[in-house]
C-alpha cells in the first residue's frame, strides 16, 4: 500500500514536470520544426520565386520564436528578413553577429557549400552557429541556423533555433 502511494506520487510529479515542459516548449521552435519549415519555404520559393512573402511579420513563415529569412547568392545580399528589414539588400559580407563575427565572410563559398549539400548524396542543408538577439530583445543568445538552397533559384532559405 505504501509503495503504491509513493509510486503514484512519483508518477504524478513526473507527469507534472513533463506536461509543464511540453507547455513551455510549445512557444519555442525545435530543430526538427525548423528543418521542416525551411524545406517547405524552399519548395514554395522554388515554385514562386517570390521573396516578398518572407518579409512579412504576419505570415506562416514567422512562428513560435523563429522565422524564415532568405539570402540571395547571385547578388550576395540578404533578400528577405521579417524581423530586421534593415538587413534586406545588405551585402552579406557586412552582416555580423552580436560579437562582431561576420556571418558570411565568404558568401560565394558558403552558398556553394549549401547548394552542394542540396544536390549531394545527403540532400540536406547545413547548420551554422552565431550570436543573435531573440526577436524583440537586445541581448544576444547562441543561435543555430539551418540553411537550404531553393532549387532553380539563387536563394538560400534559412531559419534557426536559440540554444539555451
C-alpha atoms as a PDB file:
ATOM      1  CA  UNK A   1       0.000   0.000   0.000  1.00  0.00           C
ATOM      2  CA  UNK A   2       2.750   2.393   0.966  1.00  0.00           C
ATOM      3  CA  UNK A   3       4.729   1.562  -2.202  1.00  0.00           C
ATOM      4  CA  UNK A   4       1.749   2.236  -4.419  1.00  0.00           C
ATOM      5  CA  UNK A   5       1.226   5.661  -2.803  1.00  0.00           C
ATOM      6  CA  UNK A   6       4.905   6.512  -3.300  1.00  0.00           C
ATOM      7  CA  UNK A   7       4.744   5.283  -6.893  1.00  0.00           C
ATOM      8  CA  UNK A   8       1.579   7.298  -7.526  1.00  0.00           C
ATOM      9  CA  UNK A   9       3.197  10.394  -6.010  1.00  0.00           C
ATOM     10  CA  UNK A  10       6.373   9.987  -8.079  1.00  0.00           C
ATOM     11  CA  UNK A  11       4.368   9.412 -11.264  1.00  0.00           C
ATOM     12  CA  UNK A  12       2.190  12.443 -10.522  1.00  0.00           C
ATOM     13  CA  UNK A  13       5.274  14.633 -10.036  1.00  0.00           C
ATOM     14  CA  UNK A  14       6.855  13.204 -13.188  1.00  0.00           C
ATOM     15  CA  UNK A  15       3.756  13.866 -15.282  1.00  0.00           C
ATOM     16  CA  UNK A  16       3.520  17.406 -13.910  1.00  0.00           C
ATOM     17  CA  UNK A  17       7.123  18.105 -14.937  1.00  0.00           C
ATOM     18  CA  UNK A  18       6.613  16.552 -18.378  1.00  0.00           C
ATOM     19  CA  UNK A  19       3.374  18.442 -19.032  1.00  0.00           C
ATOM     20  CA  UNK A  20       4.868  21.739 -17.852  1.00  0.00           C
ATOM     21  CA  UNK A  21       7.899  21.178 -20.070  1.00  0.00           C
ATOM     22  CA  UNK A  22       5.661  20.439 -23.047  1.00  0.00           C
ATOM     23  CA  UNK A  23       3.503  23.502 -22.362  1.00  0.00           C
ATOM     24  CA  UNK A  24       6.534  25.780 -22.002  1.00  0.00           C
ATOM     25  CA  UNK A  25       8.253  24.215 -25.026  1.00  0.00           C
ATOM     26  CA  UNK A  26       5.303  24.892 -27.288  1.00  0.00           C
ATOM     27  CA  UNK A  27       6.318  28.518 -27.727  1.00  0.00           C
ATOM     28  CA  UNK A  28       9.844  27.559 -28.840  1.00  0.00           C
ATOM     29  CA  UNK A  29      10.589  26.044 -32.218  1.00  0.00           C
ATOM     30  CA  UNK A  30      12.507  22.779 -32.274  1.00  0.00           C
ATOM     31  CA  UNK A  31      15.318  21.934 -34.672  1.00  0.00           C
ATOM     32  CA  UNK A  32      13.004  19.439 -36.388  1.00  0.00           C
ATOM     33  CA  UNK A  33      10.350  22.122 -36.898  1.00  0.00           C
ATOM     34  CA  UNK A  34      12.967  24.497 -38.300  1.00  0.00           C
ATOM     35  CA  UNK A  35      14.186  21.905 -40.831  1.00  0.00           C
ATOM     36  CA  UNK A  36      10.598  21.105 -41.886  1.00  0.00           C
ATOM     37  CA  UNK A  37       9.651  24.793 -42.228  1.00  0.00           C
ATOM     38  CA  UNK A  38      12.841  25.633 -44.169  1.00  0.00           C
ATOM     39  CA  UNK A  39      12.153  22.746 -46.564  1.00  0.00           C
ATOM     40  CA  UNK A  40       8.569  23.940 -47.029  1.00  0.00           C
ATOM     41  CA  UNK A  41       9.728  27.529 -47.630  1.00  0.00           C
ATOM     42  CA  UNK A  42      12.438  26.416 -50.071  1.00  0.00           C
ATOM     43  CA  UNK A  43       9.863  24.406 -52.017  1.00  0.00           C
ATOM     44  CA  UNK A  44       7.478  27.379 -52.090  1.00  0.00           C
ATOM     45  CA  UNK A  45      10.248  29.744 -53.189  1.00  0.00           C
ATOM     46  CA  UNK A  46      11.354  27.296 -55.901  1.00  0.00           C
ATOM     47  CA  UNK A  47       7.825  27.363 -57.319  1.00  0.00           C
ATOM     48  CA  UNK A  48       7.040  31.070 -56.968  1.00  0.00           C
ATOM     49  CA  UNK A  49      10.378  32.918 -56.863  1.00  0.00           C
ATOM     50  CA  UNK A  50       8.574  35.442 -54.621  1.00  0.00           C
ATOM     51  CA  UNK A  51      10.807  36.540 -51.721  1.00  0.00           C
ATOM     52  CA  UNK A  52       8.422  39.339 -50.618  1.00  0.00           C
ATOM     53  CA  UNK A  53       6.291  36.867 -48.648  1.00  0.00           C
ATOM     54  CA  UNK A  54       9.277  36.242 -46.355  1.00  0.00           C
ATOM     55  CA  UNK A  55       9.484  39.920 -45.335  1.00  0.00           C
ATOM     56  CA  UNK A  56       6.112  39.913 -43.580  1.00  0.00           C
ATOM     57  CA  UNK A  57       5.928  39.540 -39.803  1.00  0.00           C
ATOM     58  CA  UNK A  58       2.337  38.308 -40.051  1.00  0.00           C
ATOM     59  CA  UNK A  59       2.848  35.251 -42.232  1.00  0.00           C
ATOM     60  CA  UNK A  60       3.165  31.487 -41.912  1.00  0.00           C
ATOM     61  CA  UNK A  61       6.937  31.987 -42.177  1.00  0.00           C
ATOM     62  CA  UNK A  62       7.086  33.584 -38.724  1.00  0.00           C
ATOM     63  CA  UNK A  63       6.093  31.145 -35.987  1.00  0.00           C
ATOM     64  CA  UNK A  64       6.738  30.493 -32.315  1.00  0.00           C
ATOM     65  CA  UNK A  65      10.083  32.177 -31.553  1.00  0.00           C
ATOM     66  CA  UNK A  66      11.643  31.998 -35.014  1.00  0.00           C
ATOM     67  CA  UNK A  67      11.218  32.947 -38.661  1.00  0.00           C
ATOM     68  CA  UNK A  68      12.382  32.257 -42.203  1.00  0.00           C
ATOM     69  CA  UNK A  69      14.894  34.595 -43.850  1.00  0.00           C
ATOM     70  CA  UNK A  70      16.378  34.442 -47.339  1.00  0.00           C
ATOM     71  CA  UNK A  71      19.848  35.097 -48.763  1.00  0.00           C
ATOM     72  CA  UNK A  72      20.444  35.867 -52.490  1.00  0.00           C
ATOM     73  CA  UNK A  73      23.601  34.043 -53.621  1.00  0.00           C
ATOM     74  CA  UNK A  74      23.820  35.793 -57.009  1.00  0.00           C
ATOM     75  CA  UNK A  75      23.679  39.314 -55.594  1.00  0.00           C
ATOM     76  CA  UNK A  76      25.300  38.281 -52.283  1.00  0.00           C
ATOM     77  CA  UNK A  77      22.712  40.220 -50.267  1.00  0.00           C
ATOM     78  CA  UNK A  78      20.043  39.478 -47.705  1.00  0.00           C
ATOM     79  CA  UNK A  79      16.913  39.067 -49.816  1.00  0.00           C
ATOM     80  CA  UNK A  80      14.276  38.852 -47.073  1.00  0.00           C
ATOM     81  CA  UNK A  81      14.138  39.207 -43.293  1.00  0.00           C
ATOM     82  CA  UNK A  82      10.806  39.711 -41.492  1.00  0.00           C
ATOM     83  CA  UNK A  83      12.253  40.804 -38.144  1.00  0.00           C
ATOM     84  CA  UNK A  84      15.077  43.081 -39.287  1.00  0.00           C
ATOM     85  CA  UNK A  85      14.007  44.841 -42.504  1.00  0.00           C
ATOM     86  CA  UNK A  86      17.169  46.988 -42.388  1.00  0.00           C
ATOM     87  CA  UNK A  87      19.111  43.862 -43.401  1.00  0.00           C
ATOM     88  CA  UNK A  88      17.206  43.443 -46.679  1.00  0.00           C
ATOM     89  CA  UNK A  89      19.514  44.384 -49.560  1.00  0.00           C
ATOM     90  CA  UNK A  90      22.551  44.479 -47.276  1.00  0.00           C
ATOM     91  CA  UNK A  91      25.783  42.919 -48.543  1.00  0.00           C
ATOM     92  CA  UNK A  92      26.222  39.541 -46.845  1.00  0.00           C
ATOM     93  CA  UNK A  93      29.887  40.219 -46.078  1.00  0.00           C
ATOM     94  CA  UNK A  94      28.881  43.198 -43.912  1.00  0.00           C
ATOM     95  CA  UNK A  95      26.459  41.287 -41.665  1.00  0.00           C
ATOM     96  CA  UNK A  96      27.962  40.476 -38.280  1.00  0.00           C
ATOM     97  CA  UNK A  97      26.664  38.679 -35.234  1.00  0.00           C
ATOM     98  CA  UNK A  98      26.370  40.317 -31.815  1.00  0.00           C
ATOM     99  CA  UNK A  99      30.023  39.563 -31.083  1.00  0.00           C
ATOM    100  CA  UNK A 100      31.343  41.114 -34.297  1.00  0.00           C
ATOM    101  CA  UNK A 101      31.892  37.842 -36.179  1.00  0.00           C
ATOM    102  CA  UNK A 102      30.971  38.004 -39.870  1.00  0.00           C
ATOM    103  CA  UNK A 103      28.109  35.668 -40.673  1.00  0.00           C
ATOM    104  CA  UNK A 104      29.100  35.387 -44.323  1.00  0.00           C
ATOM    105  CA  UNK A 105      32.826  36.180 -44.661  1.00  0.00           C
ATOM    106  CA  UNK A 106      32.851  34.185 -47.932  1.00  0.00           C
ATOM    107  CA  UNK A 107      29.281  34.290 -49.313  1.00  0.00           C
ATOM    108  CA  UNK A 108      30.255  32.600 -52.553  1.00  0.00           C
ATOM    109  CA  UNK A 109      31.874  29.673 -50.737  1.00  0.00           C
ATOM    110  CA  UNK A 110      29.025  29.474 -48.242  1.00  0.00           C
ATOM    111  CA  UNK A 111      26.397  29.413 -50.984  1.00  0.00           C
ATOM    112  CA  UNK A 112      28.370  26.783 -52.874  1.00  0.00           C
ATOM    113  CA  UNK A 113      28.568  24.515 -49.791  1.00  0.00           C
ATOM    114  CA  UNK A 114      24.827  24.820 -49.144  1.00  0.00           C
ATOM    115  CA  UNK A 115      23.933  24.145 -52.788  1.00  0.00           C
ATOM    116  CA  UNK A 116      26.279  21.143 -52.927  1.00  0.00           C
ATOM    117  CA  UNK A 117      24.579  19.636 -49.886  1.00  0.00           C
ATOM    118  CA  UNK A 118      21.183  20.095 -51.536  1.00  0.00           C
ATOM    119  CA  UNK A 119      22.205  18.152 -54.622  1.00  0.00           C
ATOM    120  CA  UNK A 120      24.599  15.722 -52.936  1.00  0.00           C
ATOM    121  CA  UNK A 121      24.018  12.315 -51.507  1.00  0.00           C
ATOM    122  CA  UNK A 122      22.542  13.664 -48.241  1.00  0.00           C
ATOM    123  CA  UNK A 123      20.103  16.073 -49.929  1.00  0.00           C
ATOM    124  CA  UNK A 124      20.153  18.353 -46.936  1.00  0.00           C
ATOM    125  CA  UNK A 125      21.197  21.809 -45.907  1.00  0.00           C
ATOM    126  CA  UNK A 126      23.831  22.905 -43.438  1.00  0.00           C
ATOM    127  CA  UNK A 127      23.777  24.308 -39.908  1.00  0.00           C
ATOM    128  CA  UNK A 128      25.724  27.364 -38.762  1.00  0.00           C
ATOM    129  CA  UNK A 129      26.083  28.946 -35.348  1.00  0.00           C
ATOM    130  CA  UNK A 130      26.423  32.543 -34.168  1.00  0.00           C
ATOM    131  CA  UNK A 131      25.185  35.020 -31.536  1.00  0.00           C
ATOM    132  CA  UNK A 132      21.922  36.822 -32.362  1.00  0.00           C
ATOM    133  CA  UNK A 133      19.227  38.595 -30.336  1.00  0.00           C
ATOM    134  CA  UNK A 134      15.868  36.883 -29.988  1.00  0.00           C
ATOM    135  CA  UNK A 135      13.004  38.766 -31.667  1.00  0.00           C
ATOM    136  CA  UNK A 136      12.137  41.747 -29.501  1.00  0.00           C
ATOM    137  CA  UNK A 137      15.274  41.509 -27.358  1.00  0.00           C
ATOM    138  CA  UNK A 138      18.582  43.365 -27.412  1.00  0.00           C
ATOM    139  CA  UNK A 139      20.766  40.807 -25.634  1.00  0.00           C
ATOM    140  CA  UNK A 140      22.143  38.075 -27.889  1.00  0.00           C
ATOM    141  CA  UNK A 141      21.772  34.335 -27.451  1.00  0.00           C
ATOM    142  CA  UNK A 142      23.517  31.456 -29.192  1.00  0.00           C
ATOM    143  CA  UNK A 143      21.599  30.630 -32.363  1.00  0.00           C
ATOM    144  CA  UNK A 144      21.906  27.611 -34.636  1.00  0.00           C
ATOM    145  CA  UNK A 145      20.567  28.206 -38.129  1.00  0.00           C
ATOM    146  CA  UNK A 146      19.652  25.736 -40.844  1.00  0.00           C
ATOM    147  CA  UNK A 147      20.283  26.826 -44.459  1.00  0.00           C
ATOM    148  CA  UNK A 148      18.896  25.122 -47.585  1.00  0.00           C
ATOM    149  CA  UNK A 149      19.011  26.191 -51.214  1.00  0.00           C
ATOM    150  CA  UNK A 150      15.755  26.749 -53.075  1.00  0.00           C
ATOM    151  CA  UNK A 151      16.206  24.713 -56.251  1.00  0.00           C
ATOM    152  CA  UNK A 152      16.165  26.631 -59.510  1.00  0.00           C
ATOM    153  CA  UNK A 153      16.716  29.964 -57.748  1.00  0.00           C
ATOM    154  CA  UNK A 154      19.730  31.901 -56.464  1.00  0.00           C
ATOM    155  CA  UNK A 155      18.261  31.806 -52.948  1.00  0.00           C
ATOM    156  CA  UNK A 156      19.121  30.136 -49.676  1.00  0.00           C
ATOM    157  CA  UNK A 157      16.277  29.730 -47.205  1.00  0.00           C
ATOM    158  CA  UNK A 158      17.223  29.835 -43.524  1.00  0.00           C
ATOM    159  CA  UNK A 159      15.786  29.666 -40.023  1.00  0.00           C
ATOM    160  CA  UNK A 160      17.195  28.957 -36.606  1.00  0.00           C
ATOM    161  CA  UNK A 161      16.711  27.965 -33.012  1.00  0.00           C
ATOM    162  CA  UNK A 162      18.042  29.664 -29.898  1.00  0.00           C
ATOM    163  CA  UNK A 163      20.293  27.358 -27.896  1.00  0.00           C
ATOM    164  CA  UNK A 164      19.649  27.505 -24.136  1.00  0.00           C
END
